[in-house]
């Protein structure tokens, strides 16, 4: 006996995955934006600050920008992998495993 699948539930699950994908993309863009802020702060440090250790501060801003960018990209790819792995659970996946 074949079970009937609720098509409204499948649509909700697909829309939820689309929202999750868009949220993941928004998050990576926020990481990139923050990294760019730190990069611009590093670029403008030498011009704005007239102190002798401005090079150290500039390098620190560049390092923070690089770390934020790497963490954002790692987070994006990790969550994208999880989203694609969960895509197989939409709909009548149980019927595929029991046949």
PDB file of N, CA and C in Angstrom:
ATOM      1  N   UNK A   1       0.838  -1.183   0.000  1.00  0.00           N
ATOM      2  CA  UNK A   1       0.000   0.000   0.000  1.00  0.00           C
ATOM      3  C   UNK A   1       0.884   1.249   0.000  1.00  0.00           C
ATOM      4  N   UNK A   2       0.642   2.117  -0.931  1.00  0.00           N
ATOM      5  CA  UNK A   2       1.443   3.322  -1.065  1.00  0.00           C
ATOM      6  C   UNK A   2       0.792   4.457  -0.279  1.00  0.00           C
ATOM      7  N   UNK A   3       1.593   5.145   0.511  1.00  0.00           N
ATOM      8  CA  UNK A   3       1.079   6.248   1.315  1.00  0.00           C
ATOM      9  C   UNK A   3       0.881   7.476   0.430  1.00  0.00           C
ATOM     10  N   UNK A   4      -0.124   8.266   0.755  1.00  0.00           N
ATOM     11  CA  UNK A   4      -0.311   9.522   0.039  1.00  0.00           C
ATOM     12  C   UNK A   4       0.550  10.583   0.695  1.00  0.00           C
ATOM     13  N   UNK A   5       1.104  11.445  -0.131  1.00  0.00           N
ATOM     14  CA  UNK A   5       2.000  12.490   0.351  1.00  0.00           C
ATOM     15  C   UNK A   5       1.248  13.811   0.318  1.00  0.00           C
ATOM     16  N   UNK A   6       1.324  14.524   1.406  1.00  0.00           N
ATOM     17  CA  UNK A   6       0.681  15.831   1.508  1.00  0.00           C
ATOM     18  C   UNK A   6       1.508  16.844   0.712  1.00  0.00           C
ATOM     19  N   UNK A   7       0.962  17.328  -0.393  1.00  0.00           N
ATOM     20  CA  UNK A   7       1.714  18.235  -1.264  1.00  0.00           C
ATOM     21  C   UNK A   7       1.923  19.602  -0.627  1.00  0.00           C
ATOM     22  N   UNK A   8       1.033  20.015   0.260  1.00  0.00           N
ATOM     23  CA  UNK A   8       1.237  21.282   0.970  1.00  0.00           C
ATOM     24  C   UNK A   8       2.463  21.203   1.876  1.00  0.00           C
ATOM     25  N   UNK A   9       2.642  20.038   2.487  1.00  0.00           N
ATOM     26  CA  UNK A   9       3.799  19.842   3.363  1.00  0.00           C
ATOM     27  C   UNK A   9       5.093  19.874   2.552  1.00  0.00           C
ATOM     28  N   UNK A  10       5.077  19.260   1.378  1.00  0.00           N
ATOM     29  CA  UNK A  10       6.263  19.275   0.526  1.00  0.00           C
ATOM     30  C   UNK A  10       6.594  20.705   0.108  1.00  0.00           C
ATOM     31  N   UNK A  11       5.577  21.474  -0.256  1.00  0.00           N
ATOM     32  CA  UNK A  11       5.803  22.861  -0.647  1.00  0.00           C
ATOM     33  C   UNK A  11       6.381  23.663   0.512  1.00  0.00           C
ATOM     34  N   UNK A  12       5.844  23.473   1.715  1.00  0.00           N
ATOM     35  CA  UNK A  12       6.369  24.185   2.895  1.00  0.00           C
ATOM     36  C   UNK A  12       7.819  23.807   3.160  1.00  0.00           C
ATOM     37  N   UNK A  13       8.126  22.525   2.987  1.00  0.00           N
ATOM     38  CA  UNK A  13       9.507  22.095   3.218  1.00  0.00           C
ATOM     39  C   UNK A  13      10.452  22.692   2.180  1.00  0.00           C
ATOM     40  N   UNK A  14      10.026  22.737   0.929  1.00  0.00           N
ATOM     41  CA  UNK A  14      10.870  23.342  -0.112  1.00  0.00           C
ATOM     42  C   UNK A  14      11.058  24.843   0.136  1.00  0.00           C
ATOM     43  N   UNK A  15       9.997  25.523   0.525  1.00  0.00           N
ATOM     44  CA  UNK A  15      10.104  26.951   0.818  1.00  0.00           C
ATOM     45  C   UNK A  15      10.989  27.206   2.036  1.00  0.00           C
ATOM     46  N   UNK A  16      10.911  26.325   3.018  1.00  0.00           N
ATOM     47  CA  UNK A  16      11.770  26.470   4.195  1.00  0.00           C
ATOM     48  C   UNK A  16      13.241  26.306   3.810  1.00  0.00           C
ATOM     49  N   UNK A  17      13.531  25.382   2.912  1.00  0.00           N
ATOM     50  CA  UNK A  17      14.918  25.219   2.455  1.00  0.00           C
ATOM     51  C   UNK A  17      15.377  26.428   1.645  1.00  0.00           C
ATOM     52  N   UNK A  18      14.484  26.994   0.856  1.00  0.00           N
ATOM     53  CA  UNK A  18      14.848  28.201   0.113  1.00  0.00           C
ATOM     54  C   UNK A  18      15.132  29.362   1.060  1.00  0.00           C
ATOM     55  N   UNK A  19      14.305  29.508   2.100  1.00  0.00           N
ATOM     56  CA  UNK A  19      14.548  30.565   3.093  1.00  0.00           C
ATOM     57  C   UNK A  19      15.869  30.339   3.804  1.00  0.00           C
ATOM     58  N   UNK A  20      16.161  29.090   4.122  1.00  0.00           N
ATOM     59  CA  UNK A  20      17.420  28.777   4.792  1.00  0.00           C
ATOM     60  C   UNK A  20      18.608  29.081   3.891  1.00  0.00           C
ATOM     61  N   UNK A  21      18.478  28.772   2.609  1.00  0.00           N
ATOM     62  CA  UNK A  21      19.548  29.079   1.658  1.00  0.00           C
ATOM     63  C   UNK A  21      19.766  30.579   1.552  1.00  0.00           C
ATOM     64  N   UNK A  22      18.685  31.340   1.471  1.00  0.00           N
ATOM     65  CA  UNK A  22      18.800  32.802   1.397  1.00  0.00           C
ATOM     66  C   UNK A  22      19.391  33.384   2.680  1.00  0.00           C
ATOM     67  N   UNK A  23      19.025  32.816   3.818  1.00  0.00           N
ATOM     68  CA  UNK A  23      19.593  33.280   5.089  1.00  0.00           C
ATOM     69  C   UNK A  23      21.092  32.997   5.142  1.00  0.00           C
ATOM     70  N   UNK A  24      21.499  31.851   4.610  1.00  0.00           N
ATOM     71  CA  UNK A  24      22.921  31.508   4.571  1.00  0.00           C
ATOM     72  C   UNK A  24      23.675  32.492   3.672  1.00  0.00           C
ATOM     73  N   UNK A  25      23.103  32.837   2.531  1.00  0.00           N
ATOM     74  CA  UNK A  25      23.738  33.804   1.643  1.00  0.00           C
ATOM     75  C   UNK A  25      23.797  35.191   2.277  1.00  0.00           C
ATOM     76  N   UNK A  26      22.755  35.579   2.977  1.00  0.00           N
ATOM     77  CA  UNK A  26      22.749  36.874   3.659  1.00  0.00           C
ATOM     78  C   UNK A  26      23.824  36.925   4.736  1.00  0.00           C
ATOM     79  N   UNK A  27      23.986  35.810   5.427  1.00  0.00           N
ATOM     80  CA  UNK A  27      24.995  35.760   6.485  1.00  0.00           C
ATOM     81  C   UNK A  27      26.401  35.890   5.921  1.00  0.00           C
ATOM     82  N   UNK A  28      26.686  35.207   4.821  1.00  0.00           N
ATOM     83  CA  UNK A  28      28.033  35.312   4.245  1.00  0.00           C
ATOM     84  C   UNK A  28      28.278  36.729   3.723  1.00  0.00           C
ATOM     85  N   UNK A  29      27.249  37.376   3.188  1.00  0.00           N
ATOM     86  CA  UNK A  29      27.422  38.759   2.751  1.00  0.00           C
ATOM     87  C   UNK A  29      27.678  39.697   3.927  1.00  0.00           C
ATOM     88  N   UNK A  30      27.064  39.423   5.066  1.00  0.00           N
ATOM     89  CA  UNK A  30      27.324  40.231   6.265  1.00  0.00           C
ATOM     90  C   UNK A  30      28.761  40.038   6.746  1.00  0.00           C
ATOM     91  N   UNK A  31      29.260  38.797   6.675  1.00  0.00           N
ATOM     92  CA  UNK A  31      30.664  38.551   7.037  1.00  0.00           C
ATOM     93  C   UNK A  31      31.598  39.307   6.093  1.00  0.00           C
ATOM     94  N   UNK A  32      31.301  39.267   4.802  1.00  0.00           N
ATOM     95  CA  UNK A  32      32.146  39.965   3.826  1.00  0.00           C
ATOM     96  C   UNK A  32      32.105  41.469   4.058  1.00  0.00           C
ATOM     97  N   UNK A  33      30.920  41.997   4.349  1.00  0.00           N
ATOM     98  CA  UNK A  33      30.792  43.436   4.618  1.00  0.00           C
ATOM     99  C   UNK A  33      31.621  43.837   5.836  1.00  0.00           C
ATOM    100  N   UNK A  34      31.545  43.034   6.896  1.00  0.00           N
ATOM    101  CA  UNK A  34      32.308  43.345   8.107  1.00  0.00           C
ATOM    102  C   UNK A  34      33.802  43.262   7.847  1.00  0.00           C
ATOM    103  N   UNK A  35      34.220  42.261   7.075  1.00  0.00           N
ATOM    104  CA  UNK A  35      35.645  42.150   6.736  1.00  0.00           C
ATOM    105  C   UNK A  35      36.102  43.357   5.927  1.00  0.00           C
ATOM    106  N   UNK A  36      35.239  43.834   5.032  1.00  0.00           N
ATOM    107  CA  UNK A  36      35.605  45.015   4.241  1.00  0.00           C
ATOM    108  C   UNK A  36      35.707  46.262   5.108  1.00  0.00           C
ATOM    109  N   UNK A  37      34.844  46.372   6.119  1.00  0.00           N
ATOM    110  CA  UNK A  37      34.950  47.508   7.051  1.00  0.00           C
ATOM    111  C   UNK A  37      36.310  47.516   7.746  1.00  0.00           C
ATOM    112  N   UNK A  38      36.737  46.340   8.208  1.00  0.00           N
ATOM    113  CA  UNK A  38      38.039  46.273   8.871  1.00  0.00           C
ATOM    114  C   UNK A  38      39.174  46.541   7.886  1.00  0.00           C
ATOM    115  N   UNK A  39      39.023  46.083   6.649  1.00  0.00           N
ATOM    116  CA  UNK A  39      40.045  46.333   5.642  1.00  0.00           C
ATOM    117  C   UNK A  39      40.160  47.831   5.345  1.00  0.00           C
ATOM    118  N   UNK A  40      39.031  48.502   5.208  1.00  0.00           N
ATOM    119  CA  UNK A  40      39.039  49.952   4.963  1.00  0.00           C
ATOM    120  C   UNK A  40      39.599  50.689   6.176  1.00  0.00           C
ATOM    121  N   UNK A  41      39.293  50.203   7.364  1.00  0.00           N
ATOM    122  CA  UNK A  41      39.869  50.817   8.568  1.00  0.00           C
ATOM    123  C   UNK A  41      41.387  50.681   8.555  1.00  0.00           C
ATOM    124  N   UNK A  42      41.869  49.531   8.092  1.00  0.00           N
ATOM    125  CA  UNK A  42      43.321  49.349   7.979  1.00  0.00           C
ATOM    126  C   UNK A  42      43.926  50.270   6.939  1.00  0.00           C
ATOM    127  N   UNK A  43      43.235  50.472   5.829  1.00  0.00           N
ATOM    128  CA  UNK A  43      43.743  51.370   4.792  1.00  0.00           C
ATOM    129  C   UNK A  43      43.813  52.818   5.255  1.00  0.00           C
ATOM    130  N   UNK A  44      42.839  53.226   6.029  1.00  0.00           N
ATOM    131  CA  UNK A  44      42.776  54.630   6.427  1.00  0.00           C
ATOM    132  C   UNK A  44      43.496  54.930   7.731  1.00  0.00           C
ATOM    133  N   UNK A  45      44.027  53.927   8.383  1.00  0.00           N
ATOM    134  CA  UNK A  45      44.681  54.147   9.679  1.00  0.00           C
ATOM    135  C   UNK A  45      45.904  55.045   9.565  1.00  0.00           C
ATOM    136  N   UNK A  46      46.732  54.771   8.581  1.00  0.00           N
ATOM    137  CA  UNK A  46      47.968  55.535   8.453  1.00  0.00           C
ATOM    138  C   UNK A  46      47.692  57.005   8.129  1.00  0.00           C
ATOM    139  N   UNK A  47      46.640  57.271   7.394  1.00  0.00           N
ATOM    140  CA  UNK A  47      46.312  58.656   7.037  1.00  0.00           C
ATOM    141  C   UNK A  47      45.639  59.413   8.175  1.00  0.00           C
ATOM    142  N   UNK A  48      44.862  58.697   8.994  1.00  0.00           N
ATOM    143  CA  UNK A  48      44.117  59.378  10.049  1.00  0.00           C
ATOM    144  C   UNK A  48      44.889  59.499  11.358  1.00  0.00           C
ATOM    145  N   UNK A  49      45.674  58.495  11.675  1.00  0.00           N
ATOM    146  CA  UNK A  49      46.393  58.514  12.947  1.00  0.00           C
ATOM    147  C   UNK A  49      47.831  58.970  12.731  1.00  0.00           C
ATOM    148  N   UNK A  50      48.229  59.934  13.482  1.00  0.00           N
ATOM    149  CA  UNK A  50      49.595  60.448  13.392  1.00  0.00           C
ATOM    150  C   UNK A  50      50.405  59.930  14.580  1.00  0.00           C
ATOM    151  N   UNK A  51      50.372  58.610  14.779  1.00  0.00           N
ATOM    152  CA  UNK A  51      51.167  58.015  15.861  1.00  0.00           C
ATOM    153  C   UNK A  51      52.219  57.110  15.245  1.00  0.00           C
ATOM    154  N   UNK A  52      53.204  56.778  16.029  1.00  0.00           N
ATOM    155  CA  UNK A  52      54.326  56.006  15.485  1.00  0.00           C
ATOM    156  C   UNK A  52      53.989  54.532  15.296  1.00  0.00           C
ATOM    157  N   UNK A  53      52.980  54.010  15.970  1.00  0.00           N
ATOM    158  CA  UNK A  53      52.636  52.599  15.844  1.00  0.00           C
ATOM    159  C   UNK A  53      51.429  52.361  14.935  1.00  0.00           C
ATOM    160  N   UNK A  54      51.216  53.265  14.008  1.00  0.00           N
ATOM    161  CA  UNK A  54      50.048  53.097  13.136  1.00  0.00           C
ATOM    162  C   UNK A  54      50.192  51.885  12.218  1.00  0.00           C
ATOM    163  N   UNK A  55      51.405  51.497  11.908  1.00  0.00           N
ATOM    164  CA  UNK A  55      51.615  50.314  11.063  1.00  0.00           C
ATOM    165  C   UNK A  55      51.149  49.047  11.773  1.00  0.00           C
ATOM    166  N   UNK A  56      51.375  48.953  13.070  1.00  0.00           N
ATOM    167  CA  UNK A  56      50.929  47.791  13.845  1.00  0.00           C
ATOM    168  C   UNK A  56      49.406  47.726  13.876  1.00  0.00           C
ATOM    169  N   UNK A  57      48.785  48.867  14.066  1.00  0.00           N
ATOM    170  CA  UNK A  57      47.320  48.917  14.081  1.00  0.00           C
ATOM    171  C   UNK A  57      46.767  48.562  12.703  1.00  0.00           C
ATOM    172  N   UNK A  58      47.428  49.058  11.670  1.00  0.00           N
ATOM    173  CA  UNK A  58      46.999  48.765  10.297  1.00  0.00           C
ATOM    174  C   UNK A  58      47.081  47.265  10.007  1.00  0.00           C
ATOM    175  N   UNK A  59      48.163  46.642  10.376  1.00  0.00           N
ATOM    176  CA  UNK A  59      48.324  45.200  10.171  1.00  0.00           C
ATOM    177  C   UNK A  59      47.308  44.421  11.004  1.00  0.00           C
ATOM    178  N   UNK A  60      47.014  44.900  12.201  1.00  0.00           N
ATOM    179  CA  UNK A  60      46.010  44.241  13.039  1.00  0.00           C
ATOM    180  C   UNK A  60      44.630  44.296  12.379  1.00  0.00           C
ATOM    181  N   UNK A  61      44.281  45.433  11.799  1.00  0.00           N
ATOM    182  CA  UNK A  61      42.999  45.534  11.087  1.00  0.00           C
ATOM    183  C   UNK A  61      42.953  44.592   9.882  1.00  0.00           C
ATOM    184  N   UNK A  62      44.074  44.497   9.151  1.00  0.00           N
ATOM    185  CA  UNK A  62      44.124  43.574   8.014  1.00  0.00           C
ATOM    186  C   UNK A  62      43.977  42.123   8.476  1.00  0.00           C
ATOM    187  N   UNK A  63      44.624  41.779   9.566  1.00  0.00           N
ATOM    188  CA  UNK A  63      44.539  40.408  10.084  1.00  0.00           C
ATOM    189  C   UNK A  63      43.113  40.079  10.541  1.00  0.00           C
ATOM    190  N   UNK A  64      42.477  41.025  11.223  1.00  0.00           N
ATOM    191  CA  UNK A  64      41.099  40.813  11.675  1.00  0.00           C
ATOM    192  C   UNK A  64      40.171  40.659  10.467  1.00  0.00           C
ATOM    193  N   UNK A  65      40.379  41.480   9.438  1.00  0.00           N
ATOM    194  CA  UNK A  65      39.560  41.371   8.231  1.00  0.00           C
ATOM    195  C   UNK A  65      39.734  40.013   7.571  1.00  0.00           C
ATOM    196  N   UNK A  66      40.956  39.531   7.505  1.00  0.00           N
ATOM    197  CA  UNK A  66      41.229  38.229   6.892  1.00  0.00           C
ATOM    198  C   UNK A  66      40.583  37.099   7.691  1.00  0.00           C
ATOM    199  N   UNK A  67      40.694  37.155   9.013  1.00  0.00           N
ATOM    200  CA  UNK A  67      40.102  36.116   9.871  1.00  0.00           C
ATOM    201  C   UNK A  67      38.578  36.109   9.741  1.00  0.00           C
ATOM    202  N   UNK A  68      37.961  37.280   9.736  1.00  0.00           N
ATOM    203  CA  UNK A  68      36.504  37.369   9.596  1.00  0.00           C
ATOM    204  C   UNK A  68      36.069  36.817   8.241  1.00  0.00           C
ATOM    205  N   UNK A  69      36.816  37.142   7.190  1.00  0.00           N
ATOM    206  CA  UNK A  69      36.475  36.647   5.861  1.00  0.00           C
ATOM    207  C   UNK A  69      36.577  35.123   5.794  1.00  0.00           C
ATOM    208  N   UNK A  70      37.638  34.560   6.338  1.00  0.00           N
ATOM    209  CA  UNK A  70      37.825  33.104   6.323  1.00  0.00           C
ATOM    210  C   UNK A  70      36.742  32.420   7.150  1.00  0.00           C
ATOM    211  N   UNK A  71      36.442  32.943   8.331  1.00  0.00           N
ATOM    212  CA  UNK A  71      35.390  32.345   9.159  1.00  0.00           C
ATOM    213  C   UNK A  71      34.026  32.407   8.463  1.00  0.00           C
ATOM    214  N   UNK A  72      33.737  33.519   7.806  1.00  0.00           N
ATOM    215  CA  UNK A  72      32.477  33.648   7.084  1.00  0.00           C
ATOM    216  C   UNK A  72      32.358  32.654   5.942  1.00  0.00           C
ATOM    217  N   UNK A  73      33.442  32.469   5.191  1.00  0.00           N
ATOM    218  CA  UNK A  73      33.405  31.519   4.080  1.00  0.00           C
ATOM    219  C   UNK A  73      33.302  30.072   4.577  1.00  0.00           C
ATOM    220  N   UNK A  74      34.025  29.755   5.646  1.00  0.00           N
ATOM    221  CA  UNK A  74      33.916  28.405   6.212  1.00  0.00           C
ATOM    222  C   UNK A  74      32.499  28.137   6.715  1.00  0.00           C
ATOM    223  N   UNK A  75      31.916  29.118   7.371  1.00  0.00           N
ATOM    224  CA  UNK A  75      30.542  28.997   7.866  1.00  0.00           C
ATOM    225  C   UNK A  75      29.563  28.797   6.702  1.00  0.00           C
ATOM    226  N   UNK A  76      29.755  29.560   5.626  1.00  0.00           N
ATOM    227  CA  UNK A  76      28.878  29.453   4.467  1.00  0.00           C
ATOM    228  C   UNK A  76      28.931  28.052   3.851  1.00  0.00           C
ATOM    229  N   UNK A  77      30.135  27.549   3.609  1.00  0.00           N
ATOM    230  CA  UNK A  77      30.258  26.243   2.963  1.00  0.00           C
ATOM    231  C   UNK A  77      29.789  25.104   3.867  1.00  0.00           C
ATOM    232  N   UNK A  78      30.010  25.248   5.174  1.00  0.00           N
ATOM    233  CA  UNK A  78      29.534  24.220   6.104  1.00  0.00           C
ATOM    234  C   UNK A  78      28.009  24.146   6.090  1.00  0.00           C
ATOM    235  N   UNK A  79      27.362  25.301   6.155  1.00  0.00           N
ATOM    236  CA  UNK A  79      25.900  25.316   6.161  1.00  0.00           C
ATOM    237  C   UNK A  79      25.319  24.943   4.798  1.00  0.00           C
ATOM    238  N   UNK A  80      26.007  25.312   3.720  1.00  0.00           N
ATOM    239  CA  UNK A  80      25.520  24.919   2.400  1.00  0.00           C
ATOM    240  C   UNK A  80      25.548  23.407   2.236  1.00  0.00           C
ATOM    241  N   UNK A  81      26.575  22.769   2.762  1.00  0.00           N
ATOM    242  CA  UNK A  81      26.648  21.310   2.713  1.00  0.00           C
ATOM    243  C   UNK A  81      25.506  20.690   3.518  1.00  0.00           C
ATOM    244  N   UNK A  82      25.224  21.243   4.696  1.00  0.00           N
ATOM    245  CA  UNK A  82      24.131  20.722   5.513  1.00  0.00           C
ATOM    246  C   UNK A  82      22.780  20.907   4.818  1.00  0.00           C
ATOM    247  N   UNK A  83      22.594  22.028   4.153  1.00  0.00           N
ATOM    248  CA  UNK A  83      21.334  22.288   3.456  1.00  0.00           C
ATOM    249  C   UNK A  83      21.151  21.302   2.315  1.00  0.00           C
ATOM    250  N   UNK A  84      22.196  21.065   1.536  1.00  0.00           N
ATOM    251  CA  UNK A  84      22.062  20.128   0.417  1.00  0.00           C
ATOM    252  C   UNK A  84      21.870  18.695   0.907  1.00  0.00           C
ATOM    253  N   UNK A  85      22.447  18.347   2.043  1.00  0.00           N
ATOM    254  CA  UNK A  85      22.229  17.008   2.593  1.00  0.00           C
ATOM    255  C   UNK A  85      20.801  16.839   3.086  1.00  0.00           C
ATOM    256  N   UNK A  86      20.191  17.885   3.592  1.00  0.00           N
ATOM    257  CA  UNK A  86      18.823  17.799   4.090  1.00  0.00           C
ATOM    258  C   UNK A  86      17.777  17.917   2.988  1.00  0.00           C
ATOM    259  N   UNK A  87      18.189  18.276   1.793  1.00  0.00           N
ATOM    260  CA  UNK A  87      17.255  18.398   0.676  1.00  0.00           C
ATOM    261  C   UNK A  87      16.631  17.050   0.318  1.00  0.00           C
ATOM    262  N   UNK A  88      17.340  15.959   0.591  1.00  0.00           N
ATOM    263  CA  UNK A  88      16.825  14.622   0.245  1.00  0.00           C
ATOM    264  C   UNK A  88      15.652  14.216   1.138  1.00  0.00           C
ATOM    265  N   UNK A  89      15.425  14.907   2.237  1.00  0.00           N
ATOM    266  CA  UNK A  89      14.359  14.544   3.162  1.00  0.00           C
ATOM    267  C   UNK A  89      13.008  15.164   2.811  1.00  0.00           C
ATOM    268  N   UNK A  90      12.938  15.846   1.675  1.00  0.00           N
ATOM    269  CA  UNK A  90      11.677  16.469   1.274  1.00  0.00           C
ATOM    270  C   UNK A  90      10.804  15.437   0.569  1.00  0.00           C
ATOM    271  N   UNK A  91       9.552  15.433   0.921  1.00  0.00           N
ATOM    272  CA  UNK A  91       8.585  14.614   0.196  1.00  0.00           C
ATOM    273  C   UNK A  91       8.520  13.184   0.672  1.00  0.00           C
ATOM    274  N   UNK A  92       8.444  12.273  -0.272  1.00  0.00           N
ATOM    275  CA  UNK A  92       8.219  10.874   0.064  1.00  0.00           C
ATOM    276  C   UNK A  92       9.530  10.098   0.127  1.00  0.00           C
ATOM    277  N   UNK A  93      10.499  10.597   0.870  1.00  0.00           N
ATOM    278  CA  UNK A  93      11.791   9.925   0.956  1.00  0.00           C
ATOM    279  C   UNK A  93      11.678   8.558   1.604  1.00  0.00           C
ATOM    280  N   UNK A  94      10.719   8.358   2.493  1.00  0.00           N
ATOM    281  CA  UNK A  94      10.570   7.060   3.151  1.00  0.00           C
ATOM    282  C   UNK A  94      10.195   5.984   2.144  1.00  0.00           C
ATOM    283  N   UNK A  95       9.400   6.350   1.152  1.00  0.00           N
ATOM    284  CA  UNK A  95       9.022   5.377   0.143  1.00  0.00           C
ATOM    285  C   UNK A  95      10.229   4.909  -0.659  1.00  0.00           C
ATOM    286  N   UNK A  96      11.202   5.793  -0.883  1.00  0.00           N
ATOM    287  CA  UNK A  96      12.401   5.405  -1.615  1.00  0.00           C
ATOM    288  C   UNK A  96      13.244   4.416  -0.817  1.00  0.00           C
ATOM    289  N   UNK A  97      13.281   4.557   0.490  1.00  0.00           N
ATOM    290  CA  UNK A  97      14.124   3.694   1.306  1.00  0.00           C
ATOM    291  C   UNK A  97      13.472   2.333   1.589  1.00  0.00           C
ATOM    292  N   UNK A  98      12.163   2.257   1.566  1.00  0.00           N
ATOM    293  CA  UNK A  98      11.490   1.011   1.926  1.00  0.00           C
ATOM    294  C   UNK A  98      11.136   0.145   0.737  1.00  0.00           C
ATOM    295  N   UNK A  99      11.329   0.621  -0.485  1.00  0.00           N
ATOM    296  CA  UNK A  99      10.980  -0.178  -1.661  1.00  0.00           C
ATOM    297  C   UNK A  99      12.109  -1.066  -2.092  1.00  0.00           C
TER     298      UNK A  99
END
